[in-house]
């Protein structure tokens, strides 16, 4: 079996576990290891081929977040509010920092690494991340750290003129991203989301460059037509140096929070469309997992990555070999 590195990022630190209390939340906090296991068993990828992230440092977090906000996470009630799990307020803070914040710091480190790997390999996937509700001075919707903005800031240290297109296809409006990047002329946001559910953050919608709120219960054909009709134009207009793709699986038809009606095959096709647009145009792309609140989420992600590897990445390699 090949031990050549593949730009997929994972650590066992990603999973969140807290005396099974996490099962009170609809989010499958073990989906990261489940996706990893799928890739090992079904895709023939060995453990040695994955990249492991470093934990995001306080210096990384302070690139975006205020020290006042980070200090506020030393109170359990504030963590409970962001996680939308009131019971967490009675748990000692040091336990929450270890079991909830630490995995998310690793996920943030994974997104930082993922951007670098995408520029090197042409693509990368972080098997976590996508905390698109986190703002400079606040967190919400189970999003504590603004991993994408932090990673973008790290990228810009060496590449200050990079143009970045964020494609946010989580079921929820990426209001944190829109808030953080509102004054950044080199970051563009393409956001398709259910316009009738959380967060309803109307103040920052004006900062979405390509804004596609959709109706409750939209189906595969209606959803994918948005991508077929508008994605290529957005890419052509921006001409990005890198795409960061927030690939939420909460658009799935059985998801209790997304309230959309997209099938497993629809999600797999969605991800293929995004990757094919990037790869065909030789634009580096990083995919992060974002939301997804069903037990099927991990399987969907695994099958989608398998499809990307076989029908986009490998197809592109074969096509180039044939042309040469």
Foldseek 3Di string as FASTA:
>chain_A
DDLAADQEEDDPLQAFDDPCPCVVALFRRNLLVLLVVLCVPPVVHDPNRHHYFDFADPVLQLVQADPVQVVVLQQQCQLCQQCVHRVSNPPHSVSCCRRQVRSVRRLLRSLLVQVVVLLVPVEHEYSADDLLQDARRGHHDSRRGNSNVSSVVVVCVVPVQFAEEEEEEAQEDSQRVLRRCQPPPRYAYAYEYACPAPPVPVVRQVSHPHDHHDHFAAELVRVVVCCVPPVLVVCVVNVGQEYEYELEPCLDCPRPGSRYHYHLVSSLVVLLSVLQSSVVVSRRYYYHYPHDRHPCSSVSVSVSVSCCVPPRVVVSVVVVVVVD
